[in-house]
Protein backbone atom coordinates (compact mmCIF):
# COMPACT_ATOMS: atom_id res chain seq x y z
CA MET A 1 0.00 0.00 0.00
CA HIS A 2 1.37 3.40 -0.94
CA LYS A 3 1.64 5.88 1.91
CA TRP A 4 0.77 9.40 0.82
CA PHE A 5 1.38 12.76 2.44
CA SER A 6 0.21 16.15 1.32
CA THR A 7 3.62 17.60 2.21
CA GLU A 8 5.79 14.49 2.22
CA THR A 9 5.55 11.28 0.23
CA ARG A 10 7.12 8.06 1.51
CA THR A 11 7.24 4.65 -0.15
CA GLN A 12 8.59 1.31 0.96
CA ARG A 13 12.21 0.72 -0.08
CA THR A 14 12.76 -1.97 -2.70
CA PRO A 15 15.55 -2.64 -5.22
CA SER A 16 13.59 -0.57 -7.70
CA ALA A 17 12.67 2.11 -5.15
CA THR A 18 14.05 4.99 -7.20
CA ARG A 19 12.01 4.18 -10.29
CA ALA A 20 8.91 3.28 -8.25
CA GLY A 21 9.26 6.40 -6.13
CA LEU A 22 9.42 8.61 -9.21
CA ARG A 23 6.37 6.92 -10.70
CA ILE A 24 4.41 7.46 -7.49
CA ALA A 25 5.66 11.04 -7.49
CA ALA A 26 4.39 11.46 -11.05
CA LEU A 27 1.00 10.12 -9.99
CA GLY A 28 0.92 12.42 -6.98
CA ALA A 29 1.86 15.48 -9.01
CA PHE A 30 -0.72 14.63 -11.67
CA LEU A 31 -3.43 14.26 -9.04
CA LEU A 32 -2.39 17.43 -7.25
CA ALA A 33 -2.58 19.46 -10.45
CA GLY A 34 -5.87 17.93 -11.54
CA LEU A 35 -7.63 18.11 -8.22
CA CYS A 36 -6.48 21.62 -7.36
CA ALA A 37 -7.54 23.06 -10.70
CA PRO A 38 -10.65 25.24 -10.48
CA MET A 39 -13.82 23.14 -10.77
CA SER A 40 -17.47 24.07 -10.59
CA ALA A 41 -19.68 22.48 -7.97
CA ASN A 42 -21.21 20.12 -10.53
CA ALA A 43 -18.02 19.42 -12.47
CA ALA A 44 -17.03 15.82 -13.10
CA ALA A 45 -13.78 14.35 -11.83
CA PRO A 46 -10.69 15.20 -13.91
CA ALA A 47 -10.50 13.31 -17.18
CA GLY A 48 -7.33 11.56 -16.11
CA CYS A 49 -9.07 9.73 -13.25
CA ALA A 50 -10.41 6.91 -15.43
CA ALA A 51 -6.96 6.27 -16.84
CA LEU A 52 -5.43 6.35 -13.36
CA GLN A 53 -8.01 3.91 -12.03
CA ALA A 54 -7.16 1.53 -14.85
CA LYS A 55 -3.46 1.96 -14.17
CA TYR A 56 -3.72 1.49 -10.40
CA PRO A 57 -6.65 -0.94 -10.03
CA SER A 58 -5.58 -2.16 -6.59
CA LEU A 59 -6.90 1.05 -4.99
CA LYS A 60 -10.33 0.93 -6.59
CA GLY A 61 -13.06 -0.25 -4.25
CA LYS A 62 -10.81 -0.15 -1.17
CA GLN A 63 -11.65 1.53 2.11
CA LEU A 64 -8.55 3.22 3.51
CA VAL A 65 -7.88 4.61 6.97
CA ASN A 66 -6.79 8.25 7.00
CA ALA A 67 -5.02 9.38 10.19
CA ILE A 68 -5.90 12.98 11.08
CA ASN A 69 -5.36 15.51 13.84
CA PRO A 70 -8.83 17.08 14.19
CA HIS A 71 -7.60 20.14 16.08
CA THR A 72 -6.49 22.35 13.19
CA PRO A 73 -9.53 24.44 12.12
CA GLY A 74 -9.65 25.06 8.41
CA TYR A 75 -7.64 21.93 7.70
CA GLU A 76 -8.94 19.14 9.93
CA ALA A 77 -11.62 19.66 12.57
CA ILE A 78 -14.75 18.10 14.04
CA ASP A 79 -17.86 19.22 12.18
CA PRO A 80 -19.71 21.59 14.54
CA LYS A 81 -22.98 20.39 13.03
CA ASP A 82 -22.19 16.69 13.45
CA PRO A 83 -19.57 15.51 15.98
CA ASN A 84 -19.26 12.21 14.09
CA LYS A 85 -17.90 13.95 10.97
CA TYR A 86 -14.79 15.92 10.08
CA VAL A 87 -14.41 19.01 7.91
CA GLY A 88 -11.58 21.08 6.45
CA PHE A 89 -9.28 21.42 3.44
CA ASP A 90 -7.33 18.23 4.15
CA ILE A 91 -10.56 16.29 4.52
CA ASP A 92 -11.92 17.62 1.22
CA LEU A 93 -8.62 16.91 -0.56
CA GLY A 94 -8.59 13.32 0.69
CA GLU A 95 -12.17 12.76 -0.40
CA GLN A 96 -11.43 14.14 -3.88
CA ILE A 97 -8.36 11.93 -4.27
CA GLY A 98 -10.46 8.95 -3.19
CA GLU A 99 -13.20 9.85 -5.65
CA CYS A 100 -10.64 10.09 -8.43
CA LEU A 101 -8.97 6.75 -7.71
CA GLY A 102 -12.10 4.92 -6.60
CA PHE A 103 -11.48 4.37 -2.89
CA THR A 104 -13.32 5.57 0.23
CA LEU A 105 -11.96 6.84 3.52
CA THR A 106 -12.53 6.28 7.20
CA TYR A 107 -10.76 8.39 9.79
CA LYS A 108 -8.56 7.72 12.79
CA ALA A 109 -8.18 10.75 15.04
CA VAL A 110 -4.80 11.03 16.78
CA THR A 111 -2.57 13.79 18.13
CA PHE A 112 -0.34 15.71 15.76
CA ALA A 113 2.76 14.02 17.17
CA ALA A 114 1.29 10.58 16.51
CA LEU A 115 0.43 11.04 12.83
CA LEU A 116 3.62 9.56 11.41
CA THR A 117 3.90 6.74 13.95
CA THR A 118 0.27 5.78 13.33
CA LEU A 119 1.06 5.52 9.62
CA SER A 120 4.36 3.66 9.99
CA SER A 121 2.84 1.16 12.44
CA GLY A 122 0.14 0.19 9.95
CA GLN A 123 -2.78 1.60 11.95
CA ALA A 124 -3.52 3.95 9.05
CA ASP A 125 -3.09 3.66 5.29
CA ILE A 126 -2.59 7.34 4.45
CA VAL A 127 -2.01 10.73 6.01
CA ILE A 128 -3.22 13.83 4.19
CA SER A 129 -2.39 16.45 6.73
CA ASP A 130 -0.58 19.67 7.49
CA ILE A 131 2.67 17.89 8.32
CA TYR A 132 5.59 20.29 8.39
CA ALA A 133 8.55 19.34 6.23
CA THR A 134 11.73 19.11 8.27
CA GLU A 135 15.25 17.92 7.51
CA GLU A 136 14.79 14.82 9.66
CA ARG A 137 11.47 13.85 8.06
CA ALA A 138 12.90 14.41 4.61
CA LYS A 139 15.53 11.74 5.27
CA ALA A 140 12.75 9.14 5.52
CA ALA A 141 11.01 10.23 2.31
CA ASP A 142 11.51 9.58 -1.40
CA LEU A 143 9.98 12.93 -2.35
CA VAL A 144 9.13 16.07 -0.38
CA MET A 145 6.21 18.12 -1.73
CA ILE A 146 5.85 21.62 -0.33
CA GLY A 147 4.06 24.85 -1.15
CA HIS A 148 5.94 27.86 -2.52
CA ARG A 149 4.63 29.85 0.43
CA GLY A 150 2.28 29.26 3.34
CA VAL A 151 -1.17 30.61 4.17
CA HIS A 152 -0.12 34.24 3.58
CA GLU A 153 0.97 33.66 -0.03
CA ARG A 154 -1.52 36.21 -1.34
CA PHE A 155 0.41 38.90 0.55
CA SER A 156 3.82 37.71 -0.67
CA THR A 157 6.32 39.51 -2.89
CA GLY A 158 6.95 36.39 -4.97
CA LEU A 159 9.86 35.15 -2.84
CA LEU A 160 10.04 31.68 -1.35
CA GLY A 161 8.55 31.24 2.11
CA SER A 162 11.04 30.67 4.92
CA THR A 163 10.03 27.01 5.31
CA ALA A 164 10.27 26.26 1.60
CA GLU A 165 13.67 27.94 1.33
CA SER A 166 15.04 26.09 4.36
CA VAL A 167 13.80 22.71 3.12
CA ALA A 168 15.09 23.42 -0.41
CA ARG A 169 18.57 23.95 1.00
CA LYS A 170 18.64 21.15 3.56
CA SER A 171 16.48 18.32 2.24
CA PRO A 172 18.57 15.35 1.05
CA ARG A 173 15.64 14.18 -1.09
CA PRO A 174 14.09 15.51 -4.31
CA LEU A 175 11.75 18.43 -3.73
CA PHE A 176 8.51 19.38 -5.52
CA VAL A 177 7.83 23.10 -4.92
CA SER A 178 4.35 24.15 -5.94
CA PRO A 179 2.74 27.57 -6.33
CA LYS A 180 -0.76 28.16 -5.00
CA ARG A 181 -2.46 27.76 -8.36
CA LEU A 182 -1.91 24.61 -10.39
CA ARG A 183 -3.04 23.30 -13.72
CA GLU A 184 -2.97 19.84 -15.23
CA ILE A 185 0.60 18.77 -16.00
CA LYS A 186 0.80 18.42 -19.79
CA ARG A 187 4.12 20.06 -20.73
CA LEU A 188 7.45 19.35 -19.05
CA ALA A 189 10.76 21.16 -19.25
CA LEU A 190 14.26 20.28 -18.09
CA ALA A 191 17.01 22.82 -17.42
CA TYR A 192 20.15 20.89 -18.35
CA ASP A 193 23.75 22.09 -18.16
CA GLY A 194 25.61 18.77 -18.18
CA SER A 195 26.35 18.75 -14.45
CA GLU A 196 25.83 15.74 -12.19
CA ARG A 197 22.85 17.42 -10.49
CA ALA A 198 21.29 18.23 -13.84
CA SER A 199 21.78 14.60 -14.91
CA LYS A 200 19.76 13.46 -11.90
CA ALA A 201 17.06 15.95 -12.83
CA MET A 202 17.09 14.53 -16.38
CA HIS A 203 16.49 11.02 -15.03
CA ALA A 204 13.49 12.24 -13.05
CA ALA A 205 12.16 14.20 -16.04
CA ALA A 206 12.44 11.15 -18.28
CA GLU A 207 10.51 9.01 -15.80
CA PHE A 208 7.77 11.61 -15.43
CA ALA A 209 7.50 12.13 -19.20
CA THR A 210 7.24 8.37 -19.73
CA GLU A 211 4.65 7.88 -17.00
CA LEU A 212 2.49 10.87 -17.94
CA GLY A 213 2.93 10.58 -21.70
CA ALA A 214 3.87 14.26 -21.71
CA PRO A 215 6.26 16.05 -24.09
CA LEU A 216 9.58 17.17 -22.62
CA THR A 217 11.58 20.21 -23.71
CA VAL A 218 15.26 20.25 -22.75
CA ILE A 219 16.64 23.78 -22.45
CA THR A 220 20.34 24.56 -22.30
CA VAL A 221 21.71 28.06 -21.80
CA ALA A 222 25.28 28.56 -23.00
CA ARG A 223 27.34 31.50 -24.13
CA ASP A 224 29.46 29.18 -26.28
CA ALA A 225 27.27 27.64 -29.00
CA ARG A 226 29.65 24.73 -29.58
CA MET A 227 29.63 23.78 -25.91
CA GLY A 228 25.86 24.18 -25.79
CA GLU A 229 25.40 21.79 -28.73
CA ARG A 230 27.62 19.25 -26.98
CA VAL A 231 25.49 19.42 -23.83
CA ILE A 232 22.30 19.04 -25.87
CA GLY A 233 23.84 16.04 -27.62
CA GLU A 234 24.39 14.40 -24.23
CA ALA A 235 20.75 14.91 -23.29
CA ARG A 236 19.51 13.66 -26.66
CA HIS A 237 21.61 10.49 -26.32
CA TYR A 238 20.40 9.85 -22.75
CA LEU A 239 16.71 10.25 -23.59
CA GLU A 240 16.69 8.05 -26.70
CA PRO A 241 15.95 4.76 -24.85
CA TYR A 242 12.95 6.35 -23.12
CA ARG A 243 11.21 7.07 -26.43
CA VAL A 244 9.70 10.25 -25.02
CA ASP A 245 8.50 13.14 -27.17
CA ALA A 246 11.56 15.31 -26.56
CA SER A 247 12.60 18.60 -28.12
CA PHE A 248 15.75 20.63 -27.48
CA LYS A 249 16.39 24.36 -27.28
CA LEU A 250 19.73 26.15 -27.05
CA LEU A 251 19.44 29.60 -25.51
CA SER A 252 22.03 32.31 -24.90
CA GLY A 253 22.21 34.83 -22.10
CA HIS A 254 22.03 34.58 -18.33
CA ALA A 255 20.79 31.11 -17.42
CA HIS A 256 18.44 32.12 -14.59
CA GLU A 257 16.70 34.81 -16.64
CA GLU A 258 16.45 32.73 -19.81
CA ILE A 259 14.97 29.73 -17.98
CA VAL A 260 12.25 31.79 -16.30
CA ARG A 261 11.49 33.63 -19.55
CA PHE A 262 11.15 30.33 -21.41
CA LEU A 263 8.77 28.95 -18.76
CA GLY A 264 6.46 31.92 -19.16
CA GLU A 265 6.51 31.96 -22.95
CA SER A 266 6.04 28.20 -23.36
CA GLU A 267 3.41 27.80 -20.63
CA THR A 268 5.38 24.91 -19.14
CA ASP A 269 3.51 23.03 -16.40
CA LEU A 270 6.48 21.53 -14.54
CA LEU A 271 10.22 22.29 -14.58
CA PHE A 272 13.00 19.88 -13.58
CA ILE A 273 16.25 21.40 -12.39
CA GLY A 274 19.31 20.33 -10.43
CA ALA A 275 19.92 21.44 -6.84
CA TYR A 276 22.21 24.22 -5.72
CA GLY A 277 25.55 24.08 -7.42
CA HIS A 278 27.57 26.60 -5.39
CA SER A 279 28.64 26.88 -1.79
CA ARG A 280 26.34 28.75 0.59
CA ILE A 281 28.86 31.62 0.83
CA ILE A 282 28.90 32.11 -2.95
CA GLU A 283 25.09 31.99 -3.06
CA MET A 284 24.85 34.65 -0.34
CA VAL A 285 26.95 37.00 -2.47
CA LEU A 286 25.97 36.11 -6.04
CA GLY A 287 22.79 34.08 -5.76
CA SER A 288 22.34 31.01 -7.97
CA THR A 289 20.38 29.90 -11.00
CA THR A 290 18.47 27.38 -8.89
CA GLU A 291 17.47 29.90 -6.24
CA TYR A 292 16.38 32.50 -8.80
CA VAL A 293 14.27 29.96 -10.68
CA LEU A 294 12.66 28.66 -7.49
CA ARG A 295 11.70 32.21 -6.54
CA ASN A 296 10.41 33.31 -9.94
CA ALA A 297 9.16 30.25 -11.85
CA PRO A 298 5.46 30.55 -12.81
CA CYS A 299 5.04 26.76 -12.53
CA PRO A 300 5.93 23.97 -10.08
CA VAL A 301 9.62 23.08 -9.85
CA PHE A 302 11.02 19.58 -9.27
CA LEU A 303 14.40 20.02 -7.59
CA SER A 304 16.70 17.00 -7.93
CA ARG A 305 19.52 16.04 -5.56
């Protein structure tokens, strides 16, 4: 049974854990985009749900136990009109995910501190809760999913929230940073510069593109055209066995600005990029491509380690 978190995703370790973890991550990202897209009260479930039910039939018809902490009004709380029911954003999100994949939920109320232990001990199947991402928790996860900013995002200046920035720097696991508004993930992009971190991002992008059947655009920014073509050749050679619908663009200029500009012009739905490539001291003085993109990208960013 897959164990899902709204902020963290953890899967059982197996010899193929990396590939399986990325596939579950692709499923989670697809669901997150589809379910969070604006829908009218009478709108049907996202079109992708039927395909996902066919792809993951083991979940259909199941009744899963969702561990919750019903003392966070707005997220998880006892219904004031019916003490036997629960209400809140996390509750609604869980119900929508269940409706999409064909399973139903029952609830196990525990304290906040007991959420993870209840899950790991098998007393619950899933946790969809306001669990804060920390460095220690990230070590036990395959993928950390976190919002660009917290509840005050509408008052933000566009910068990363303090929690997101801290986790982005310290998490040893891949990170999915999402803005408040999402759309269905149909177009992927990879920022590739030939580095080891970018190579890991390329592996993740290839897995997502394969799993979602989505086109992937590889963008390389280089001041030297010959070097840029060599880097693109590396990416083209790596992606050939995946048989994904890949295209390649060589851009010139400042990498951080060109990447963000491309995302806006191409309406990319998800960007893959390598983690920080400089020391913290250099980043404090000069900044970095990764940090700039995380702060300014108009779409979710998958940050590879």
